């Protein structure tokens, strides 16, 4: 991994972090300040990332490491067969020629010389609700932090195009500060998925704790002909909502509320283990399974 970083004089200047004023660098003071790693999937230039950084930079020591390009729908993918490079942008953010999960993985396994207290991903340009969370690079970045034992939050706006983005960033800031004040940001990891309606700050309803809803299957693939006469395929749009019942993230945001859903990694279908044990007993002898 190659890092294109700033010269030593600039690195020294950057040690005066937001929230610390202009006083000389004081390690004891810095250790008492929450450390946040921010990433996203829309790219280091995305307005949502900038808004989230601006909202948190004066309440924490914030480091931004985000993808060089838009990496929507990259989920938890890691880059294994090509080298990754880290570059410093003119605004001080660092960007990686990889996926959202790459960014957080690199940060937590060698790029940073400290362990952040919180990983925050977003603010995404569009909702990540229901089945979206499986594909989402925004959620994937947060999940990578969670896998390394760091509490993590994925933030998304419900609609695209960034309407009322400052209000969403303000709500994200309030949630992070509230969790810090309630001493919920601890070495015990958790993973939260938060969606914020595109509304003025005063019109955003209270936060609702929700389960994930569900969409129908995606729309049909789009087939086109390239200038060379080759057949091209574009993945179709996400399917319409199938389960937006009361208690789901779709329902909460449609009513103007923030939705918050705790997520987990274990994909085991625990409810069906017993029935599959009975089914496995009827398989060919060499294939029969028993519970571990």
Protein backbone atom coordinates (compact mmCIF):
# COMPACT_ATOMS: atom_id res chain seq x y z
CA UNK A 1 0.00 0.00 0.00
CA UNK A 2 1.44 3.35 -1.08
CA UNK A 3 0.45 6.57 0.67
CA UNK A 4 0.74 9.95 -1.04
CA UNK A 5 0.65 12.16 2.05
CA UNK A 6 1.44 15.77 2.77
CA UNK A 7 4.96 16.96 3.60
CA UNK A 8 6.01 16.84 7.24
CA UNK A 9 5.47 20.58 7.91
CA UNK A 10 1.84 20.31 6.80
CA UNK A 11 1.29 17.17 8.87
CA UNK A 12 2.63 18.98 11.92
CA UNK A 13 0.25 21.90 11.39
CA UNK A 14 -2.73 19.56 11.08
CA UNK A 15 -2.26 18.36 14.64
CA UNK A 16 -4.26 21.37 15.84
CA UNK A 17 -7.59 19.62 15.45
CA UNK A 18 -11.03 21.26 15.22
CA UNK A 19 -12.42 21.72 18.70
CA UNK A 20 -8.97 22.21 20.20
CA UNK A 21 -8.65 25.83 19.14
CA UNK A 22 -5.27 27.13 18.03
CA UNK A 23 -3.36 25.96 21.11
CA UNK A 24 -0.27 23.79 20.53
CA UNK A 25 -0.79 20.08 20.14
CA UNK A 26 -1.46 18.43 23.49
CA UNK A 27 -1.64 14.63 23.43
CA UNK A 28 -3.39 14.35 26.79
CA UNK A 29 -6.08 16.74 25.63
CA UNK A 30 -6.43 14.91 22.33
CA UNK A 31 -6.86 11.56 24.04
CA UNK A 32 -9.95 12.90 25.80
CA UNK A 33 -11.62 13.85 22.52
CA UNK A 34 -13.74 11.39 20.57
CA UNK A 35 -12.04 10.13 17.41
CA UNK A 36 -14.27 9.53 14.39
CA UNK A 37 -13.42 7.90 11.07
CA UNK A 38 -15.72 9.02 8.23
CA UNK A 39 -16.17 7.25 4.91
CA UNK A 40 -18.90 6.88 2.30
CA UNK A 41 -19.68 5.26 -1.05
CA UNK A 42 -20.44 8.37 -3.16
CA UNK A 43 -16.78 9.41 -3.25
CA UNK A 44 -14.59 11.88 -1.38
CA UNK A 45 -16.03 14.82 -3.36
CA UNK A 46 -19.68 14.08 -2.46
CA UNK A 47 -21.69 16.87 -0.77
CA UNK A 48 -23.01 14.40 1.82
CA UNK A 49 -19.51 13.53 2.98
CA UNK A 50 -18.50 17.18 3.23
CA UNK A 51 -21.67 18.06 5.15
CA UNK A 52 -21.12 15.20 7.61
CA UNK A 53 -17.51 16.26 8.18
CA UNK A 54 -18.53 19.88 8.73
CA UNK A 55 -21.18 18.77 11.24
CA UNK A 56 -18.76 16.67 13.31
CA UNK A 57 -15.41 18.41 12.96
CA UNK A 58 -15.84 20.64 16.02
CA UNK A 59 -17.01 17.86 18.36
CA UNK A 60 -14.41 15.19 17.57
CA UNK A 61 -11.07 14.48 15.99
CA UNK A 62 -12.32 13.56 12.53
CA UNK A 63 -10.44 11.68 9.81
CA UNK A 64 -11.94 11.26 6.33
CA UNK A 65 -10.86 8.30 4.18
CA UNK A 66 -13.27 7.74 1.30
CA UNK A 67 -13.36 6.19 -2.19
CA UNK A 68 -11.89 8.10 -5.11
CA UNK A 69 -14.96 7.40 -7.26
CA UNK A 70 -18.63 6.65 -6.70
CA UNK A 71 -18.86 3.11 -5.31
CA UNK A 72 -22.58 2.74 -4.78
CA UNK A 73 -23.82 -0.85 -4.37
CA UNK A 74 -20.34 -2.21 -3.62
CA UNK A 75 -21.57 -3.69 -0.34
CA UNK A 76 -18.69 -5.25 1.66
CA UNK A 77 -16.41 -5.87 -1.31
CA UNK A 78 -12.65 -5.74 -0.75
CA UNK A 79 -10.05 -5.25 -3.50
CA UNK A 80 -7.73 -8.27 -3.52
CA UNK A 81 -6.20 -8.45 -7.00
CA UNK A 82 -4.89 -4.94 -7.60
CA UNK A 83 -2.91 -2.48 -5.45
CA UNK A 84 -4.58 0.27 -3.48
CA UNK A 85 -3.27 3.83 -3.28
CA UNK A 86 -4.10 6.51 -0.75
CA UNK A 87 -3.96 10.15 -1.86
CA UNK A 88 -4.46 13.40 0.02
CA UNK A 89 -6.98 15.76 -1.59
CA UNK A 90 -6.65 19.53 -1.52
CA UNK A 91 -9.29 19.76 1.22
CA UNK A 92 -7.33 17.43 3.52
CA UNK A 93 -9.49 14.36 2.95
CA UNK A 94 -7.76 11.15 1.93
CA UNK A 95 -9.15 9.01 -0.86
CA UNK A 96 -8.54 5.43 -1.97
CA UNK A 97 -8.83 3.87 -5.44
CA UNK A 98 -11.02 1.16 -3.96
CA UNK A 99 -14.31 0.37 -2.31
CA UNK A 100 -15.89 1.82 0.83
CA UNK A 101 -14.93 -1.30 2.77
CA UNK A 102 -11.36 -0.95 1.45
CA UNK A 103 -11.18 2.56 2.90
CA UNK A 104 -12.21 1.50 6.40
CA UNK A 105 -10.18 -1.71 6.25
CA UNK A 106 -6.99 0.14 5.31
CA UNK A 107 -7.62 2.78 7.95
CA UNK A 108 -8.08 0.26 10.75
CA UNK A 109 -5.29 -2.12 9.77
CA UNK A 110 -2.37 0.22 9.30
CA UNK A 111 -3.07 3.64 7.85
CA UNK A 112 -4.15 5.23 11.13
CA UNK A 113 -1.83 5.12 14.13
CA UNK A 114 -4.79 5.09 16.51
CA UNK A 115 -8.10 3.28 16.88
CA UNK A 116 -11.17 5.47 16.24
CA UNK A 117 -14.00 5.46 18.76
CA UNK A 118 -16.63 5.54 16.03
CA UNK A 119 -16.94 4.86 12.31
CA UNK A 120 -19.51 6.99 10.49
CA UNK A 121 -20.48 6.44 6.86
CA UNK A 122 -22.44 8.82 4.64
CA UNK A 123 -24.39 10.92 4.25
CA UNK A 124 -25.56 8.82 1.31
CA UNK A 125 -27.30 10.31 -1.73
CA UNK A 126 -30.50 8.28 -1.41
CA UNK A 127 -32.13 5.80 0.92
CA UNK A 128 -30.64 2.60 2.29
CA UNK A 129 -33.70 0.82 3.64
CA UNK A 130 -34.98 -2.73 3.54
CA UNK A 131 -33.05 -4.92 1.10
CA UNK A 132 -30.91 -1.91 0.11
CA UNK A 133 -28.73 -2.59 3.13
CA UNK A 134 -27.42 -5.82 1.58
CA UNK A 135 -26.02 -3.99 -1.45
CA UNK A 136 -25.18 -0.63 0.09
CA UNK A 137 -21.59 0.59 0.06
CA UNK A 138 -22.56 3.10 2.74
CA UNK A 139 -23.65 0.30 5.04
CA UNK A 140 -20.65 -1.76 3.89
CA UNK A 141 -18.21 0.89 5.11
CA UNK A 142 -19.92 1.06 8.49
CA UNK A 143 -20.08 -2.73 8.69
CA UNK A 144 -16.34 -3.00 8.09
CA UNK A 145 -15.79 -0.85 11.16
CA UNK A 146 -18.18 -3.03 13.14
CA UNK A 147 -16.32 -6.18 12.03
CA UNK A 148 -13.17 -4.68 13.55
CA UNK A 149 -14.96 -4.06 16.84
CA UNK A 150 -15.71 -0.35 16.39
CA UNK A 151 -19.23 1.09 16.86
CA UNK A 152 -20.53 2.29 13.50
CA UNK A 153 -23.39 4.28 11.96
CA UNK A 154 -24.49 4.51 8.33
CA UNK A 155 -26.37 7.73 7.46
CA UNK A 156 -28.50 8.21 4.33
CA UNK A 157 -30.96 10.75 3.03
CA UNK A 158 -34.21 9.20 1.84
CA UNK A 159 -34.28 10.98 -1.53
CA UNK A 160 -31.48 11.78 -3.95
CA UNK A 161 -30.14 15.19 -4.99
CA UNK A 162 -29.21 16.45 -1.49
CA UNK A 163 -32.29 18.56 -0.67
CA UNK A 164 -32.06 19.85 2.95
CA UNK A 165 -28.66 18.24 3.37
CA UNK A 166 -27.61 20.61 6.16
CA UNK A 167 -30.66 19.54 8.17
CA UNK A 168 -29.70 15.89 7.75
CA UNK A 169 -26.13 16.62 8.82
CA UNK A 170 -27.42 18.48 11.87
CA UNK A 171 -29.54 15.47 12.83
CA UNK A 172 -26.54 13.16 12.38
CA UNK A 173 -24.48 15.40 14.64
CA UNK A 174 -27.20 15.39 17.30
CA UNK A 175 -27.38 11.60 17.27
CA UNK A 176 -23.60 11.19 17.61
CA UNK A 177 -23.43 13.73 20.44
CA UNK A 178 -26.36 12.15 22.24
CA UNK A 179 -24.73 8.74 22.06
CA UNK A 180 -21.50 10.16 23.39
CA UNK A 181 -23.31 11.88 26.25
CA UNK A 182 -25.15 8.65 27.06
CA UNK A 183 -21.79 6.81 27.06
CA UNK A 184 -22.92 4.48 24.28
CA UNK A 185 -19.73 4.88 22.26
CA UNK A 186 -17.65 2.23 24.00
CA UNK A 187 -15.32 -0.63 22.99
CA UNK A 188 -18.44 -2.81 22.65
CA UNK A 189 -19.37 -2.53 18.97
CA UNK A 190 -22.81 -2.01 17.45
CA UNK A 191 -24.02 -1.22 13.93
CA UNK A 192 -26.84 1.22 13.16
CA UNK A 193 -28.52 2.13 9.88
CA UNK A 194 -30.11 5.61 9.89
CA UNK A 195 -32.25 7.20 7.17
CA UNK A 196 -33.22 10.88 7.30
CA UNK A 197 -36.09 12.46 5.32
CA UNK A 198 -35.23 15.32 2.96
CA UNK A 199 -37.05 17.95 4.98
CA UNK A 200 -36.25 21.22 6.72
CA UNK A 201 -34.78 20.62 10.16
CA UNK A 202 -37.95 21.70 11.96
CA UNK A 203 -40.09 19.31 9.89
CA UNK A 204 -38.08 16.14 10.57
CA UNK A 205 -39.98 13.99 13.05
CA UNK A 206 -38.57 12.19 16.05
CA UNK A 207 -36.36 9.19 15.47
CA UNK A 208 -38.13 5.83 15.24
CA UNK A 209 -36.48 2.51 16.04
CA UNK A 210 -37.48 0.24 13.15
CA UNK A 211 -37.05 -3.11 11.53
CA UNK A 212 -36.01 -3.29 7.89
CA UNK A 213 -38.82 -3.28 5.35
CA UNK A 214 -38.66 -5.17 2.06
CA UNK A 215 -38.71 -4.44 -1.64
CA UNK A 216 -39.98 -6.45 -4.58
CA UNK A 217 -37.39 -7.88 -6.95
CA UNK A 218 -35.40 -5.36 -8.99
CA UNK A 219 -36.69 -4.07 -12.30
CA UNK A 220 -35.73 -5.84 -15.53
CA UNK A 221 -32.15 -5.49 -16.77
CA UNK A 222 -31.68 -2.78 -19.41
CA UNK A 223 -30.22 -4.03 -22.68
CA UNK A 224 -28.47 -1.69 -25.14
CA UNK A 225 -26.19 -1.88 -28.15
CA UNK A 226 -22.68 -0.43 -27.91
CA UNK A 227 -21.14 1.69 -30.72
CA UNK A 228 -19.20 -1.45 -31.70
CA UNK A 229 -22.38 -3.48 -32.01
CA UNK A 230 -21.89 -5.41 -28.78
CA UNK A 231 -24.77 -6.09 -26.42
CA UNK A 232 -24.51 -4.17 -23.12
CA UNK A 233 -26.50 -4.71 -19.95
CA UNK A 234 -27.32 -2.23 -17.20
CA UNK A 235 -28.68 -3.36 -13.86
CA UNK A 236 -32.30 -2.29 -13.54
CA UNK A 237 -33.71 0.03 -10.91
CA UNK A 238 -34.51 -1.16 -7.41
CA UNK A 239 -37.91 -2.77 -7.09
CA UNK A 240 -40.91 -1.05 -5.49
CA UNK A 241 -41.56 -1.38 -1.78
CA UNK A 242 -43.34 -4.59 -0.75
CA UNK A 243 -43.31 -4.30 3.05
CA UNK A 244 -43.78 -0.77 4.38
CA UNK A 245 -45.94 -1.72 7.34
CA UNK A 246 -45.95 0.24 10.56
CA UNK A 247 -42.69 -0.45 12.34
CA UNK A 248 -40.55 -0.56 9.19
CA UNK A 249 -37.97 1.97 8.06
CA UNK A 250 -40.04 2.67 4.93
CA UNK A 251 -43.08 3.55 7.01
CA UNK A 252 -41.21 5.75 9.47
CA UNK A 253 -39.50 7.87 6.82
CA UNK A 254 -42.70 8.17 4.79
CA UNK A 255 -44.24 9.75 7.90
CA UNK A 256 -41.36 12.23 8.09
CA UNK A 257 -39.38 10.52 10.85
CA UNK A 258 -35.75 9.49 11.03
CA UNK A 259 -35.46 5.71 11.03
CA UNK A 260 -32.84 3.82 13.00
CA UNK A 261 -32.32 0.09 12.60
CA UNK A 262 -29.73 -1.97 14.49
CA UNK A 263 -28.06 -4.45 12.13
CA UNK A 264 -26.18 -7.71 12.68
CA UNK A 265 -23.76 -9.82 10.66
CA UNK A 266 -24.96 -13.35 11.48
CA UNK A 267 -26.83 -14.58 8.38
CA UNK A 268 -27.80 -17.88 9.98
CA UNK A 269 -31.52 -18.65 9.73
CA UNK A 270 -31.82 -19.78 13.33
CA UNK A 271 -35.59 -20.30 13.08
CA UNK A 272 -35.19 -22.98 10.42
CA UNK A 273 -32.20 -24.87 11.83
CA UNK A 274 -34.40 -27.50 13.45
CA UNK A 275 -36.45 -28.18 10.30
CA UNK A 276 -33.31 -28.36 8.17
CA UNK A 277 -31.85 -30.88 10.61
CA UNK A 278 -34.82 -33.15 9.89
CA UNK A 279 -34.48 -32.55 6.15
CA UNK A 280 -30.74 -33.30 6.24
CA UNK A 281 -31.43 -36.68 7.82
CA UNK A 282 -33.20 -37.75 4.61
CA UNK A 283 -30.26 -36.93 2.37
CA UNK A 284 -27.83 -39.51 0.98
CA UNK A 285 -25.66 -41.02 3.73
CA UNK A 286 -22.54 -39.18 2.58
CA UNK A 287 -24.42 -35.87 2.65
CA UNK A 288 -26.26 -36.23 5.94
CA UNK A 289 -25.62 -33.41 8.35
CA UNK A 290 -25.81 -33.00 12.08
CA UNK A 291 -25.88 -29.83 14.11
CA UNK A 292 -22.45 -28.60 15.14
